Amino acid sequence: MVPVGQDEVFNQDQIDYMIKGTPLRRLTSAEDVAKAVAWFCSPTAARQVTGQLISVSGGYTIP
């Protein structure tokens, strides 16, 4: 299997379009998602969070 990154999936015009439509003006990275997962796994930070939908998209999608 060949690894795929943003340069392999999207051309620069598509990337610019997505960034323009994202309030935080940056693309979501694997690290951004990993940090959200770590937060959910924290017994102190998210101990009272139940049944929530969290979008890690910089505001591109809002649930």
PDB file of N, CA and C in Angstrom:
ATOM      1  N   MET A   1       0.843  -1.187   0.000  1.00  0.00           N
ATOM      2  CA  MET A   1       0.000   0.000   0.000  1.00  0.00           C
ATOM      3  C   MET A   1       0.887   1.249   0.000  1.00  0.00           C
ATOM      4  N   VAL A   2       0.564   2.182  -0.856  1.00  0.00           N
ATOM      5  CA  VAL A   2       1.330   3.421  -0.972  1.00  0.00           C
ATOM      6  C   VAL A   2       0.759   4.448  -0.004  1.00  0.00           C
ATOM      7  N   PRO A   3       1.610   5.067   0.842  1.00  0.00           N
ATOM      8  CA  PRO A   3       1.104   6.094   1.749  1.00  0.00           C
ATOM      9  C   PRO A   3       0.569   7.289   0.968  1.00  0.00           C
ATOM     10  N   VAL A   4      -0.480   7.893   1.482  1.00  0.00           N
ATOM     11  CA  VAL A   4      -1.115   9.025   0.808  1.00  0.00           C
ATOM     12  C   VAL A   4      -1.144  10.206   1.767  1.00  0.00           C
ATOM     13  N   GLY A   5      -0.707  11.348   1.294  1.00  0.00           N
ATOM     14  CA  GLY A   5      -0.763  12.572   2.081  1.00  0.00           C
ATOM     15  C   GLY A   5      -1.603  13.603   1.363  1.00  0.00           C
ATOM     16  N   GLN A   6      -1.728  14.793   1.938  1.00  0.00           N
ATOM     17  CA  GLN A   6      -2.584  15.819   1.334  1.00  0.00           C
ATOM     18  C   GLN A   6      -2.127  16.166  -0.078  1.00  0.00           C
ATOM     19  N   ASP A   7      -0.827  16.093  -0.341  1.00  0.00           N
ATOM     20  CA  ASP A   7      -0.332  16.430  -1.673  1.00  0.00           C
ATOM     21  C   ASP A   7      -0.753  15.397  -2.717  1.00  0.00           C
ATOM     22  N   GLU A   8      -1.006  14.179  -2.293  1.00  0.00           N
ATOM     23  CA  GLU A   8      -1.414  13.118  -3.205  1.00  0.00           C
ATOM     24  C   GLU A   8      -2.921  13.113  -3.438  1.00  0.00           C
ATOM     25  N   VAL A   9      -3.689  13.642  -2.517  1.00  0.00           N
ATOM     26  CA  VAL A   9      -5.150  13.587  -2.587  1.00  0.00           C
ATOM     27  C   VAL A   9      -5.737  14.860  -3.186  1.00  0.00           C
ATOM     28  N   PHE A  10      -5.254  16.015  -2.751  1.00  0.00           N
ATOM     29  CA  PHE A  10      -5.822  17.296  -3.158  1.00  0.00           C
ATOM     30  C   PHE A  10      -4.800  18.118  -3.922  1.00  0.00           C
ATOM     31  N   ASN A  11      -5.255  18.826  -4.950  1.00  0.00           N
ATOM     32  CA  ASN A  11      -4.359  19.776  -5.607  1.00  0.00           C
ATOM     33  C   ASN A  11      -4.396  21.101  -4.831  1.00  0.00           C
ATOM     34  N   GLN A  12      -3.515  22.030  -5.156  1.00  0.00           N
ATOM     35  CA  GLN A  12      -3.400  23.264  -4.387  1.00  0.00           C
ATOM     36  C   GLN A  12      -4.684  24.098  -4.428  1.00  0.00           C
ATOM     37  N   ASP A  13      -5.386  24.108  -5.549  1.00  0.00           N
ATOM     38  CA  ASP A  13      -6.652  24.854  -5.626  1.00  0.00           C
ATOM     39  C   ASP A  13      -7.673  24.286  -4.649  1.00  0.00           C
ATOM     40  N   GLN A  14      -7.736  22.964  -4.535  1.00  0.00           N
ATOM     41  CA  GLN A  14      -8.673  22.337  -3.600  1.00  0.00           C
ATOM     42  C   GLN A  14      -8.292  22.640  -2.149  1.00  0.00           C
ATOM     43  N   ILE A  15      -7.003  22.589  -1.857  1.00  0.00           N
ATOM     44  CA  ILE A  15      -6.528  22.909  -0.507  1.00  0.00           C
ATOM     45  C   ILE A  15      -6.867  24.355  -0.159  1.00  0.00           C
ATOM     46  N   ASP A  16      -6.602  25.276  -1.076  1.00  0.00           N
ATOM     47  CA  ASP A  16      -6.916  26.691  -0.847  1.00  0.00           C
ATOM     48  C   ASP A  16      -8.406  26.895  -0.614  1.00  0.00           C
ATOM     49  N   TYR A  17      -9.247  26.186  -1.365  1.00  0.00           N
ATOM     50  CA  TYR A  17     -10.701  26.292  -1.211  1.00  0.00           C
ATOM     51  C   TYR A  17     -11.129  25.816   0.182  1.00  0.00           C
ATOM     52  N   MET A  18     -10.575  24.687   0.625  1.00  0.00           N
ATOM     53  CA  MET A  18     -10.938  24.173   1.950  1.00  0.00           C
ATOM     54  C   MET A  18     -10.465  25.103   3.054  1.00  0.00           C
ATOM     55  N   ILE A  19      -9.247  25.625   2.922  1.00  0.00           N
ATOM     56  CA  ILE A  19      -8.716  26.535   3.941  1.00  0.00           C
ATOM     57  C   ILE A  19      -9.542  27.822   3.987  1.00  0.00           C
ATOM     58  N   LYS A  20      -9.946  28.323   2.825  1.00  0.00           N
ATOM     59  CA  LYS A  20     -10.757  29.548   2.765  1.00  0.00           C
ATOM     60  C   LYS A  20     -12.091  29.366   3.491  1.00  0.00           C
ATOM     61  N   GLY A  21     -12.654  28.154   3.422  1.00  0.00           N
ATOM     62  CA  GLY A  21     -13.930  27.873   4.065  1.00  0.00           C
ATOM     63  C   GLY A  21     -13.815  27.388   5.500  1.00  0.00           C
ATOM     64  N   THR A  22     -12.609  27.403   6.053  1.00  0.00           N
ATOM     65  CA  THR A  22     -12.378  26.937   7.423  1.00  0.00           C
ATOM     66  C   THR A  22     -12.070  28.139   8.312  1.00  0.00           C
ATOM     67  N   PRO A  23     -12.871  28.376   9.347  1.00  0.00           N
ATOM     68  CA  PRO A  23     -12.652  29.539  10.203  1.00  0.00           C
ATOM     69  C   PRO A  23     -11.245  29.648  10.786  1.00  0.00           C
ATOM     70  N   LEU A  24     -10.610  28.533  11.143  1.00  0.00           N
ATOM     71  CA  LEU A  24      -9.261  28.602  11.714  1.00  0.00           C
ATOM     72  C   LEU A  24      -8.173  28.672  10.655  1.00  0.00           C
ATOM     73  N   ARG A  25      -8.540  28.608   9.376  1.00  0.00           N
ATOM     74  CA  ARG A  25      -7.645  28.783   8.225  1.00  0.00           C
ATOM     75  C   ARG A  25      -6.461  27.803   8.174  1.00  0.00           C
ATOM     76  N   ARG A  26      -6.718  26.548   8.578  1.00  0.00           N
ATOM     77  CA  ARG A  26      -5.699  25.506   8.428  1.00  0.00           C
ATOM     78  C   ARG A  26      -6.387  24.156   8.300  1.00  0.00           C
ATOM     79  N   LEU A  27      -5.700  23.225   7.656  1.00  0.00           N
ATOM     80  CA  LEU A  27      -6.240  21.886   7.495  1.00  0.00           C
ATOM     81  C   LEU A  27      -6.042  21.084   8.779  1.00  0.00           C
ATOM     82  N   THR A  28      -6.919  20.139   9.018  1.00  0.00           N
ATOM     83  CA  THR A  28      -6.805  19.256  10.177  1.00  0.00           C
ATOM     84  C   THR A  28      -5.711  18.228   9.925  1.00  0.00           C
ATOM     85  N   SER A  29      -4.880  18.016  10.924  1.00  0.00           N
ATOM     86  CA  SER A  29      -3.801  17.040  10.812  1.00  0.00           C
ATOM     87  C   SER A  29      -4.120  15.808  11.655  1.00  0.00           C
ATOM     88  N   ALA A  30      -3.366  14.758  11.438  1.00  0.00           N
ATOM     89  CA  ALA A  30      -3.514  13.551  12.256  1.00  0.00           C
ATOM     90  C   ALA A  30      -3.224  13.881  13.719  1.00  0.00           C
ATOM     91  N   GLU A  31      -2.287  14.794  13.947  1.00  0.00           N
ATOM     92  CA  GLU A  31      -1.973  15.196  15.322  1.00  0.00           C
ATOM     93  C   GLU A  31      -3.168  15.877  15.991  1.00  0.00           C
ATOM     94  N   ASP A  32      -3.922  16.686  15.236  1.00  0.00           N
ATOM     95  CA  ASP A  32      -5.111  17.333  15.783  1.00  0.00           C
ATOM     96  C   ASP A  32      -6.129  16.283  16.249  1.00  0.00           C
ATOM     97  N   VAL A  33      -6.332  15.276  15.433  1.00  0.00           N
ATOM     98  CA  VAL A  33      -7.275  14.203  15.776  1.00  0.00           C
ATOM     99  C   VAL A  33      -6.751  13.415  16.978  1.00  0.00           C
ATOM    100  N   ALA A  34      -5.462  13.119  16.990  1.00  0.00           N
ATOM    101  CA  ALA A  34      -4.866  12.367  18.098  1.00  0.00           C
ATOM    102  C   ALA A  34      -5.032  13.115  19.421  1.00  0.00           C
ATOM    103  N   LYS A  35      -4.883  14.430  19.390  1.00  0.00           N
ATOM    104  CA  LYS A  35      -5.046  15.208  20.619  1.00  0.00           C
ATOM    105  C   LYS A  35      -6.490  15.166  21.117  1.00  0.00           C
ATOM    106  N   ALA A  36      -7.456  15.173  20.205  1.00  0.00           N
ATOM    107  CA  ALA A  36      -8.858  15.055  20.606  1.00  0.00           C
ATOM    108  C   ALA A  36      -9.121  13.680  21.221  1.00  0.00           C
ATOM    109  N   VAL A  37      -8.543  12.642  20.630  1.00  0.00           N
ATOM    110  CA  VAL A  37      -8.697  11.282  21.171  1.00  0.00           C
ATOM    111  C   VAL A  37      -8.078  11.203  22.562  1.00  0.00           C
ATOM    112  N   ALA A  38      -6.883  11.780  22.733  1.00  0.00           N
ATOM    113  CA  ALA A  38      -6.230  11.773  24.040  1.00  0.00           C
ATOM    114  C   ALA A  38      -7.093  12.496  25.074  1.00  0.00           C
ATOM    115  N   TRP A  39      -7.723  13.589  24.658  1.00  0.00           N
ATOM    116  CA  TRP A  39      -8.605  14.322  25.569  1.00  0.00           C
ATOM    117  C   TRP A  39      -9.784  13.452  25.989  1.00  0.00           C
ATOM    118  N   PHE A  40     -10.398  12.740  25.032  1.00  0.00           N
ATOM    119  CA  PHE A  40     -11.512  11.856  25.355  1.00  0.00           C
ATOM    120  C   PHE A  40     -11.094  10.729  26.284  1.00  0.00           C
ATOM    121  N   CYS A  41      -9.852  10.284  26.167  1.00  0.00           N
ATOM    122  CA  CYS A  41      -9.355   9.179  26.990  1.00  0.00           C
ATOM    123  C   CYS A  41      -8.948   9.626  28.389  1.00  0.00           C
ATOM    124  N   SER A  42      -8.870  10.908  28.610  1.00  0.00           N
ATOM    125  CA  SER A  42      -8.428  11.422  29.904  1.00  0.00           C
ATOM    126  C   SER A  42      -9.518  11.233  30.958  1.00  0.00           C
ATOM    127  N   PRO A  43      -9.200  10.563  32.054  1.00  0.00           N
ATOM    128  CA  PRO A  43     -10.204  10.350  33.103  1.00  0.00           C
ATOM    129  C   PRO A  43     -10.543  11.629  33.865  1.00  0.00           C
ATOM    130  N   THR A  44      -9.727  12.666  33.739  1.00  0.00           N
ATOM    131  CA  THR A  44     -10.043  13.922  34.429  1.00  0.00           C
ATOM    132  C   THR A  44     -10.606  14.980  33.497  1.00  0.00           C
ATOM    133  N   ALA A  45     -10.043  15.116  32.291  1.00  0.00           N
ATOM    134  CA  ALA A  45     -10.484  16.175  31.382  1.00  0.00           C
ATOM    135  C   ALA A  45     -11.878  15.938  30.834  1.00  0.00           C
ATOM    136  N   ALA A  46     -12.195  14.705  30.494  1.00  0.00           N
ATOM    137  CA  ALA A  46     -13.483  14.426  29.842  1.00  0.00           C
ATOM    138  C   ALA A  46     -14.358  13.471  30.652  1.00  0.00           C
ATOM    139  N   ARG A  47     -14.184  13.423  31.945  1.00  0.00           N
ATOM    140  CA  ARG A  47     -14.878  12.412  32.744  1.00  0.00           C
ATOM    141  C   ARG A  47     -16.390  12.580  32.770  1.00  0.00           C
ATOM    142  N   GLN A  48     -16.914  13.760  32.528  1.00  0.00           N
ATOM    143  CA  GLN A  48     -18.356  13.976  32.525  1.00  0.00           C
ATOM    144  C   GLN A  48     -18.928  14.142  31.122  1.00  0.00           C
ATOM    145  N   VAL A  49     -18.133  13.921  30.098  1.00  0.00           N
ATOM    146  CA  VAL A  49     -18.587  14.074  28.721  1.00  0.00           C
ATOM    147  C   VAL A  49     -19.215  12.767  28.255  1.00  0.00           C
ATOM    148  N   THR A  50     -20.467  12.844  27.837  1.00  0.00           N
ATOM    149  CA  THR A  50     -21.161  11.659  27.333  1.00  0.00           C
ATOM    150  C   THR A  50     -21.996  12.037  26.128  1.00  0.00           C
ATOM    151  N   GLY A  51     -22.069  11.143  25.158  1.00  0.00           N
ATOM    152  CA  GLY A  51     -22.962  11.303  24.016  1.00  0.00           C
ATOM    153  C   GLY A  51     -22.733  12.540  23.169  1.00  0.00           C
ATOM    154  N   GLN A  52     -21.505  12.965  23.021  1.00  0.00           N
ATOM    155  CA  GLN A  52     -21.219  14.170  22.254  1.00  0.00           C
ATOM    156  C   GLN A  52     -20.601  13.837  20.907  1.00  0.00           C
ATOM    157  N   LEU A  53     -20.869  14.690  19.946  1.00  0.00           N
ATOM    158  CA  LEU A  53     -20.239  14.613  18.630  1.00  0.00           C
ATOM    159  C   LEU A  53     -19.252  15.767  18.561  1.00  0.00           C
ATOM    160  N   ILE A  54     -17.988  15.427  18.402  1.00  0.00           N
ATOM    161  CA  ILE A  54     -16.942  16.445  18.365  1.00  0.00           C
ATOM    162  C   ILE A  54     -16.345  16.474  16.960  1.00  0.00           C
ATOM    163  N   SER A  55     -16.332  17.643  16.349  1.00  0.00           N
ATOM    164  CA  SER A  55     -15.746  17.807  15.030  1.00  0.00           C
ATOM    165  C   SER A  55     -14.348  18.404  15.180  1.00  0.00           C
ATOM    166  N   VAL A  56     -13.348  17.675  14.692  1.00  0.00           N
ATOM    167  CA  VAL A  56     -11.968  18.163  14.729  1.00  0.00           C
ATOM    168  C   VAL A  56     -11.663  18.651  13.311  1.00  0.00           C
ATOM    169  N   SER A  57     -12.181  19.838  12.982  1.00  0.00           N
ATOM    170  CA  SER A  57     -12.095  20.323  11.605  1.00  0.00           C
ATOM    171  C   SER A  57     -11.751  21.797  11.503  1.00  0.00           C
ATOM    172  N   GLY A  58     -11.413  22.422  12.602  1.00  0.00           N
ATOM    173  CA  GLY A  58     -11.111  23.852  12.562  1.00  0.00           C
ATOM    174  C   GLY A  58     -12.313  24.710  12.224  1.00  0.00           C
ATOM    175  N   GLY A  59     -13.503  24.134  12.341  1.00  0.00           N
ATOM    176  CA  GLY A  59     -14.731  24.854  12.037  1.00  0.00           C
ATOM    177  C   GLY A  59     -15.274  24.604  10.641  1.00  0.00           C
ATOM    178  N   TYR A  60     -14.569  23.775   9.847  1.00  0.00           N
ATOM    179  CA  TYR A  60     -15.039  23.468   8.478  1.00  0.00           C
ATOM    180  C   TYR A  60     -16.399  22.794   8.513  1.00  0.00           C
ATOM    181  N   THR A  61     -16.573  21.877   9.451  1.00  0.00           N
ATOM    182  CA  THR A  61     -17.890  21.266   9.679  1.00  0.00           C
ATOM    183  C   THR A  61     -18.274  21.519  11.122  1.00  0.00           C
ATOM    184  N   ILE A  62     -19.508  21.864  11.332  1.00  0.00           N
ATOM    185  CA  ILE A  62     -19.993  22.105  12.686  1.00  0.00           C
ATOM    186  C   ILE A  62     -21.199  21.194  12.903  1.00  0.00           C
ATOM    187  N   PRO A  63     -21.056  20.251  13.872  1.00  0.00           N
ATOM    188  CA  PRO A  63     -22.159  19.295  14.100  1.00  0.00           C
ATOM    189  C   PRO A  63     -23.415  19.961  14.596  1.00  0.00           C
TER     190      PRO A  63
END
